[in-house]
Amino acid sequence: YAVLQGPGTDLGNTVVFASLVTGGVLHILDEEAVTDPAAVAFYLVEQGIECLKAVPSHVAALGVASVASL
């Protein structure tokens, strides 16, 4: 599980609790990383992230190419 948004945005707590209940690992990327499409794509692949919580506008800002490559 990875979170690319602030804790008060769009019920981000759903990922926090889902990761805890299922015994998963929660990755919270820092502000610098979440604004770099290449860094986000690399991190998600490197860490084997299977679930991502982000608002649609953030995903769009990262770019279709970066998301599609995942």
PDB file of N, CA and C in Angstrom:
ATOM      1  N   TYR A   1       0.844  -1.176   0.000  1.00  0.00           N
ATOM      2  CA  TYR A   1       0.000   0.000   0.000  1.00  0.00           C
ATOM      3  C   TYR A   1       0.888   1.238   0.000  1.00  0.00           C
ATOM      4  N   ALA A   2       0.526   2.225  -0.794  1.00  0.00           N
ATOM      5  CA  ALA A   2       1.270   3.484  -0.821  1.00  0.00           C
ATOM      6  C   ALA A   2       0.290   4.650  -0.816  1.00  0.00           C
ATOM      7  N   VAL A   3       0.693   5.711  -0.146  1.00  0.00           N
ATOM      8  CA  VAL A   3      -0.129   6.914  -0.054  1.00  0.00           C
ATOM      9  C   VAL A   3       0.630   8.067  -0.699  1.00  0.00           C
ATOM     10  N   LEU A   4      -0.005   8.743  -1.641  1.00  0.00           N
ATOM     11  CA  LEU A   4       0.604   9.895  -2.301  1.00  0.00           C
ATOM     12  C   LEU A   4      -0.107  11.188  -1.953  1.00  0.00           C
ATOM     13  N   GLN A   5      -0.841  11.219  -0.874  1.00  0.00           N
ATOM     14  CA  GLN A   5      -1.618  12.404  -0.518  1.00  0.00           C
ATOM     15  C   GLN A   5      -1.540  12.637   0.975  1.00  0.00           C
ATOM     16  N   GLY A   6      -1.937  13.818   1.388  1.00  0.00           N
ATOM     17  CA  GLY A   6      -1.941  14.150   2.799  1.00  0.00           C
ATOM     18  C   GLY A   6      -2.954  13.322   3.570  1.00  0.00           C
ATOM     19  N   PRO A   7      -2.770  13.191   4.880  1.00  0.00           N
ATOM     20  CA  PRO A   7      -3.654  12.338   5.687  1.00  0.00           C
ATOM     21  C   PRO A   7      -5.098  12.813   5.757  1.00  0.00           C
ATOM     22  N   GLY A   8      -5.365  14.074   5.466  1.00  0.00           N
ATOM     23  CA  GLY A   8      -6.732  14.573   5.534  1.00  0.00           C
ATOM     24  C   GLY A   8      -7.439  14.605   4.193  1.00  0.00           C
ATOM     25  N   THR A   9      -6.796  14.137   3.158  1.00  0.00           N
ATOM     26  CA  THR A   9      -7.344  14.229   1.807  1.00  0.00           C
ATOM     27  C   THR A   9      -8.091  12.968   1.408  1.00  0.00           C
ATOM     28  N   ASP A  10      -9.330  13.114   1.000  1.00  0.00           N
ATOM     29  CA  ASP A  10     -10.087  12.028   0.377  1.00  0.00           C
ATOM     30  C   ASP A  10     -10.053  10.713   1.164  1.00  0.00           C
ATOM     31  N   LEU A  11     -10.235  10.812   2.453  1.00  0.00           N
ATOM     32  CA  LEU A  11     -10.271   9.615   3.310  1.00  0.00           C
ATOM     33  C   LEU A  11      -9.046   8.725   3.148  1.00  0.00           C
ATOM     34  N   GLY A  12      -7.881   9.316   3.209  1.00  0.00           N
ATOM     35  CA  GLY A  12      -6.636   8.561   3.107  1.00  0.00           C
ATOM     36  C   GLY A  12      -6.498   7.487   4.169  1.00  0.00           C
ATOM     37  N   ASN A  13      -7.274   7.611   5.245  1.00  0.00           N
ATOM     38  CA  ASN A  13      -7.214   6.614   6.318  1.00  0.00           C
ATOM     39  C   ASN A  13      -7.659   5.236   5.863  1.00  0.00           C
ATOM     40  N   THR A  14      -8.399   5.143   4.766  1.00  0.00           N
ATOM     41  CA  THR A  14      -8.845   3.827   4.298  1.00  0.00           C
ATOM     42  C   THR A  14      -7.659   2.938   3.967  1.00  0.00           C
ATOM     43  N   VAL A  15      -6.601   3.508   3.436  1.00  0.00           N
ATOM     44  CA  VAL A  15      -5.411   2.726   3.111  1.00  0.00           C
ATOM     45  C   VAL A  15      -4.627   2.397   4.372  1.00  0.00           C
ATOM     46  N   VAL A  16      -4.587   3.334   5.316  1.00  0.00           N
ATOM     47  CA  VAL A  16      -3.868   3.085   6.566  1.00  0.00           C
ATOM     48  C   VAL A  16      -4.459   1.874   7.268  1.00  0.00           C
ATOM     49  N   PHE A  17      -5.760   1.855   7.441  1.00  0.00           N
ATOM     50  CA  PHE A  17      -6.386   0.751   8.152  1.00  0.00           C
ATOM     51  C   PHE A  17      -6.366  -0.543   7.351  1.00  0.00           C
ATOM     52  N   ALA A  18      -6.527  -0.457   6.038  1.00  0.00           N
ATOM     53  CA  ALA A  18      -6.475  -1.666   5.203  1.00  0.00           C
ATOM     54  C   ALA A  18      -5.105  -2.320   5.295  1.00  0.00           C
ATOM     55  N   SER A  19      -4.059  -1.533   5.293  1.00  0.00           N
ATOM     56  CA  SER A  19      -2.719  -2.117   5.384  1.00  0.00           C
ATOM     57  C   SER A  19      -2.492  -2.755   6.750  1.00  0.00           C
ATOM     58  N   LEU A  20      -2.997  -2.147   7.802  1.00  0.00           N
ATOM     59  CA  LEU A  20      -2.827  -2.710   9.145  1.00  0.00           C
ATOM     60  C   LEU A  20      -3.631  -3.991   9.331  1.00  0.00           C
ATOM     61  N   VAL A  21      -4.870  -3.990   8.878  1.00  0.00           N
ATOM     62  CA  VAL A  21      -5.754  -5.145   9.058  1.00  0.00           C
ATOM     63  C   VAL A  21      -5.277  -6.356   8.266  1.00  0.00           C
ATOM     64  N   THR A  22      -4.718  -6.120   7.089  1.00  0.00           N
ATOM     65  CA  THR A  22      -4.289  -7.236   6.240  1.00  0.00           C
ATOM     66  C   THR A  22      -2.843  -7.645   6.480  1.00  0.00           C
ATOM     67  N   GLY A  23      -2.172  -6.985   7.400  1.00  0.00           N
ATOM     68  CA  GLY A  23      -0.773  -7.321   7.673  1.00  0.00           C
ATOM     69  C   GLY A  23       0.179  -6.796   6.621  1.00  0.00           C
ATOM     70  N   GLY A  24      -0.271  -5.815   5.859  1.00  0.00           N
ATOM     71  CA  GLY A  24       0.566  -5.242   4.808  1.00  0.00           C
ATOM     72  C   GLY A  24       1.519  -4.193   5.344  1.00  0.00           C
ATOM     73  N   VAL A  25       2.242  -3.586   4.438  1.00  0.00           N
ATOM     74  CA  VAL A  25       3.183  -2.520   4.766  1.00  0.00           C
ATOM     75  C   VAL A  25       2.668  -1.234   4.135  1.00  0.00           C
ATOM     76  N   LEU A  26       2.679  -0.152   4.893  1.00  0.00           N
ATOM     77  CA  LEU A  26       2.218   1.138   4.390  1.00  0.00           C
ATOM     78  C   LEU A  26       3.426   1.995   4.036  1.00  0.00           C
ATOM     79  N   HIS A  27       3.493   2.450   2.806  1.00  0.00           N
ATOM     80  CA  HIS A  27       4.561   3.330   2.337  1.00  0.00           C
ATOM     81  C   HIS A  27       3.979   4.725   2.196  1.00  0.00           C
ATOM     82  N   ILE A  28       4.584   5.697   2.869  1.00  0.00           N
ATOM     83  CA  ILE A  28       4.156   7.088   2.747  1.00  0.00           C
ATOM     84  C   ILE A  28       5.315   7.845   2.120  1.00  0.00           C
ATOM     85  N   LEU A  29       5.145   8.231   0.875  1.00  0.00           N
ATOM     86  CA  LEU A  29       6.204   8.912   0.153  1.00  0.00           C
ATOM     87  C   LEU A  29       6.304  10.363   0.599  1.00  0.00           C
ATOM     88  N   ASP A  30       7.520  10.889   0.621  1.00  0.00           N
ATOM     89  CA  ASP A  30       7.694  12.273   1.060  1.00  0.00           C
ATOM     90  C   ASP A  30       7.272  13.256  -0.031  1.00  0.00           C
ATOM     91  N   GLU A  31       7.126  14.511   0.372  1.00  0.00           N
ATOM     92  CA  GLU A  31       6.593  15.535  -0.527  1.00  0.00           C
ATOM     93  C   GLU A  31       7.443  15.702  -1.785  1.00  0.00           C
ATOM     94  N   GLU A  32       8.754  15.614  -1.636  1.00  0.00           N
ATOM     95  CA  GLU A  32       9.640  15.765  -2.796  1.00  0.00           C
ATOM     96  C   GLU A  32       9.449  14.634  -3.800  1.00  0.00           C
ATOM     97  N   ALA A  33       9.290  13.427  -3.308  1.00  0.00           N
ATOM     98  CA  ALA A  33       9.153  12.261  -4.190  1.00  0.00           C
ATOM     99  C   ALA A  33       7.829  12.258  -4.942  1.00  0.00           C
ATOM    100  N   VAL A  34       6.755  12.651  -4.290  1.00  0.00           N
ATOM    101  CA  VAL A  34       5.439  12.535  -4.929  1.00  0.00           C
ATOM    102  C   VAL A  34       5.210  13.528  -6.062  1.00  0.00           C
ATOM    103  N   THR A  35       6.096  14.502  -6.206  1.00  0.00           N
ATOM    104  CA  THR A  35       5.959  15.457  -7.303  1.00  0.00           C
ATOM    105  C   THR A  35       6.849  15.113  -8.492  1.00  0.00           C
ATOM    106  N   ASP A  36       7.580  14.013  -8.394  1.00  0.00           N
ATOM    107  CA  ASP A  36       8.480  13.578  -9.469  1.00  0.00           C
ATOM    108  C   ASP A  36       7.935  12.291 -10.083  1.00  0.00           C
ATOM    109  N   PRO A  37       7.343  12.360 -11.273  1.00  0.00           N
ATOM    110  CA  PRO A  37       6.728  11.170 -11.879  1.00  0.00           C
ATOM    111  C   PRO A  37       7.670   9.982 -12.003  1.00  0.00           C
ATOM    112  N   ALA A  38       8.909  10.223 -12.384  1.00  0.00           N
ATOM    113  CA  ALA A  38       9.871   9.126 -12.532  1.00  0.00           C
ATOM    114  C   ALA A  38      10.183   8.491 -11.181  1.00  0.00           C
ATOM    115  N   ALA A  39      10.312   9.313 -10.144  1.00  0.00           N
ATOM    116  CA  ALA A  39      10.606   8.798  -8.805  1.00  0.00           C
ATOM    117  C   ALA A  39       9.444   7.963  -8.275  1.00  0.00           C
ATOM    118  N   VAL A  40       8.218   8.424  -8.507  1.00  0.00           N
ATOM    119  CA  VAL A  40       7.042   7.670  -8.067  1.00  0.00           C
ATOM    120  C   VAL A  40       6.981   6.322  -8.775  1.00  0.00           C
ATOM    121  N   ALA A  41       7.127   6.333 -10.089  1.00  0.00           N
ATOM    122  CA  ALA A  41       7.069   5.088 -10.859  1.00  0.00           C
ATOM    123  C   ALA A  41       8.158   4.124 -10.415  1.00  0.00           C
ATOM    124  N   PHE A  42       9.377   4.621 -10.243  1.00  0.00           N
ATOM    125  CA  PHE A  42      10.488   3.774  -9.815  1.00  0.00           C
ATOM    126  C   PHE A  42      10.214   3.167  -8.444  1.00  0.00           C
ATOM    127  N   TYR A  43       9.756   3.987  -7.500  1.00  0.00           N
ATOM    128  CA  TYR A  43       9.507   3.510  -6.143  1.00  0.00           C
ATOM    129  C   TYR A  43       8.416   2.440  -6.110  1.00  0.00           C
ATOM    130  N   LEU A  44       7.333   2.681  -6.837  1.00  0.00           N
ATOM    131  CA  LEU A  44       6.232   1.719  -6.836  1.00  0.00           C
ATOM    132  C   LEU A  44       6.670   0.367  -7.392  1.00  0.00           C
ATOM    133  N   VAL A  45       7.458   0.392  -8.458  1.00  0.00           N
ATOM    134  CA  VAL A  45       7.941  -0.857  -9.052  1.00  0.00           C
ATOM    135  C   VAL A  45       8.972  -1.517  -8.143  1.00  0.00           C
ATOM    136  N   GLU A  46       9.934  -0.730  -7.659  1.00  0.00           N
ATOM    137  CA  GLU A  46      11.006  -1.261  -6.815  1.00  0.00           C
ATOM    138  C   GLU A  46      10.458  -1.923  -5.551  1.00  0.00           C
ATOM    139  N   GLN A  47       9.440  -1.320  -4.951  1.00  0.00           N
ATOM    140  CA  GLN A  47       8.887  -1.831  -3.699  1.00  0.00           C
ATOM    141  C   GLN A  47       7.760  -2.843  -3.905  1.00  0.00           C
ATOM    142  N   GLY A  48       7.345  -3.056  -5.134  1.00  0.00           N
ATOM    143  CA  GLY A  48       6.275  -4.018  -5.405  1.00  0.00           C
ATOM    144  C   GLY A  48       4.920  -3.569  -4.880  1.00  0.00           C
ATOM    145  N   ILE A  49       4.651  -2.283  -4.950  1.00  0.00           N
ATOM    146  CA  ILE A  49       3.394  -1.724  -4.455  1.00  0.00           C
ATOM    147  C   ILE A  49       2.240  -2.226  -5.322  1.00  0.00           C
ATOM    148  N   GLU A  50       1.231  -2.793  -4.679  1.00  0.00           N
ATOM    149  CA  GLU A  50       0.072  -3.325  -5.397  1.00  0.00           C
ATOM    150  C   GLU A  50      -1.179  -2.476  -5.224  1.00  0.00           C
ATOM    151  N   CYS A  51      -1.181  -1.579  -4.250  1.00  0.00           N
ATOM    152  CA  CYS A  51      -2.345  -0.737  -3.988  1.00  0.00           C
ATOM    153  C   CYS A  51      -1.850   0.688  -3.765  1.00  0.00           C
ATOM    154  N   LEU A  52      -2.449   1.625  -4.470  1.00  0.00           N
ATOM    155  CA  LEU A  52      -2.020   3.014  -4.397  1.00  0.00           C
ATOM    156  C   LEU A  52      -3.214   3.902  -4.087  1.00  0.00           C
ATOM    157  N   LYS A  53      -3.047   4.790  -3.119  1.00  0.00           N
ATOM    158  CA  LYS A  53      -4.097   5.752  -2.782  1.00  0.00           C
ATOM    159  C   LYS A  53      -3.630   7.134  -3.219  1.00  0.00           C
ATOM    160  N   ALA A  54      -4.333   7.696  -4.192  1.00  0.00           N
ATOM    161  CA  ALA A  54      -4.015   9.036  -4.683  1.00  0.00           C
ATOM    162  C   ALA A  54      -5.279   9.637  -5.277  1.00  0.00           C
ATOM    163  N   VAL A  55      -5.385  10.943  -5.174  1.00  0.00           N
ATOM    164  CA  VAL A  55      -6.535  11.598  -5.785  1.00  0.00           C
ATOM    165  C   VAL A  55      -6.344  11.607  -7.298  1.00  0.00           C
ATOM    166  N   PRO A  56      -7.437  11.541  -8.065  1.00  0.00           N
ATOM    167  CA  PRO A  56      -7.334  11.476  -9.529  1.00  0.00           C
ATOM    168  C   PRO A  56      -6.521  12.613 -10.147  1.00  0.00           C
ATOM    169  N   SER A  57      -6.641  13.809  -9.599  1.00  0.00           N
ATOM    170  CA  SER A  57      -5.895  14.931 -10.170  1.00  0.00           C
ATOM    171  C   SER A  57      -4.390  14.758  -9.992  1.00  0.00           C
ATOM    172  N   HIS A  58      -3.974  14.114  -8.905  1.00  0.00           N
ATOM    173  CA  HIS A  58      -2.543  13.855  -8.697  1.00  0.00           C
ATOM    174  C   HIS A  58      -2.039  12.821  -9.695  1.00  0.00           C
ATOM    175  N   VAL A  59      -2.812  11.777  -9.904  1.00  0.00           N
ATOM    176  CA  VAL A  59      -2.432  10.755 -10.883  1.00  0.00           C
ATOM    177  C   VAL A  59      -2.328  11.390 -12.270  1.00  0.00           C
ATOM    178  N   ALA A  60      -3.272  12.258 -12.603  1.00  0.00           N
ATOM    179  CA  ALA A  60      -3.236  12.940 -13.902  1.00  0.00           C
ATOM    180  C   ALA A  60      -2.004  13.834 -14.017  1.00  0.00           C
ATOM    181  N   ALA A  61      -1.652  14.516 -12.928  1.00  0.00           N
ATOM    182  CA  ALA A  61      -0.484  15.397 -12.944  1.00  0.00           C
ATOM    183  C   ALA A  61       0.814  14.617 -13.101  1.00  0.00           C
ATOM    184  N   LEU A  62       0.842  13.396 -12.595  1.00  0.00           N
ATOM    185  CA  LEU A  62       2.044  12.569 -12.742  1.00  0.00           C
ATOM    186  C   LEU A  62       2.253  12.162 -14.190  1.00  0.00           C
ATOM    187  N   GLY A  63       1.188  12.137 -14.942  1.00  0.00           N
ATOM    188  CA  GLY A  63       1.301  11.837 -16.364  1.00  0.00           C
ATOM    189  C   GLY A  63       0.872  10.433 -16.688  1.00  0.00           C
ATOM    190  N   VAL A  64       0.207  10.292 -17.801  1.00  0.00           N
ATOM    191  CA  VAL A  64      -0.304   8.997 -18.242  1.00  0.00           C
ATOM    192  C   VAL A  64       0.833   8.028 -18.511  1.00  0.00           C
ATOM    193  N   ALA A  65       1.927   8.489 -19.085  1.00  0.00           N
ATOM    194  CA  ALA A  65       3.042   7.600 -19.432  1.00  0.00           C
ATOM    195  C   ALA A  65       3.643   6.949 -18.196  1.00  0.00           C
ATOM    196  N   SER A  66       3.807   7.717 -17.120  1.00  0.00           N
ATOM    197  CA  SER A  66       4.393   7.161 -15.901  1.00  0.00           C
ATOM    198  C   SER A  66       3.489   6.110 -15.280  1.00  0.00           C
ATOM    199  N   VAL A  67       2.199   6.388 -15.232  1.00  0.00           N
ATOM    200  CA  VAL A  67       1.245   5.461 -14.632  1.00  0.00           C
ATOM    201  C   VAL A  67       1.069   4.235 -15.515  1.00  0.00           C
ATOM    202  N   ALA A  68       1.003   4.429 -16.817  1.00  0.00           N
ATOM    203  CA  ALA A  68       0.812   3.311 -17.745  1.00  0.00           C
ATOM    204  C   ALA A  68       1.987   2.350 -17.714  1.00  0.00           C
ATOM    205  N   SER A  69       3.170   2.846 -17.409  1.00  0.00           N
ATOM    206  CA  SER A  69       4.342   1.973 -17.389  1.00  0.00           C
ATOM    207  C   SER A  69       4.340   1.029 -16.199  1.00  0.00           C
ATOM    208  N   LEU A  70       3.473   1.281 -15.231  1.00  0.00           N
ATOM    209  CA  LEU A  70       3.406   0.418 -14.054  1.00  0.00           C
ATOM    210  C   LEU A  70       2.599  -0.803 -14.387  1.00  0.00           C
TER     211      LEU A  70
END
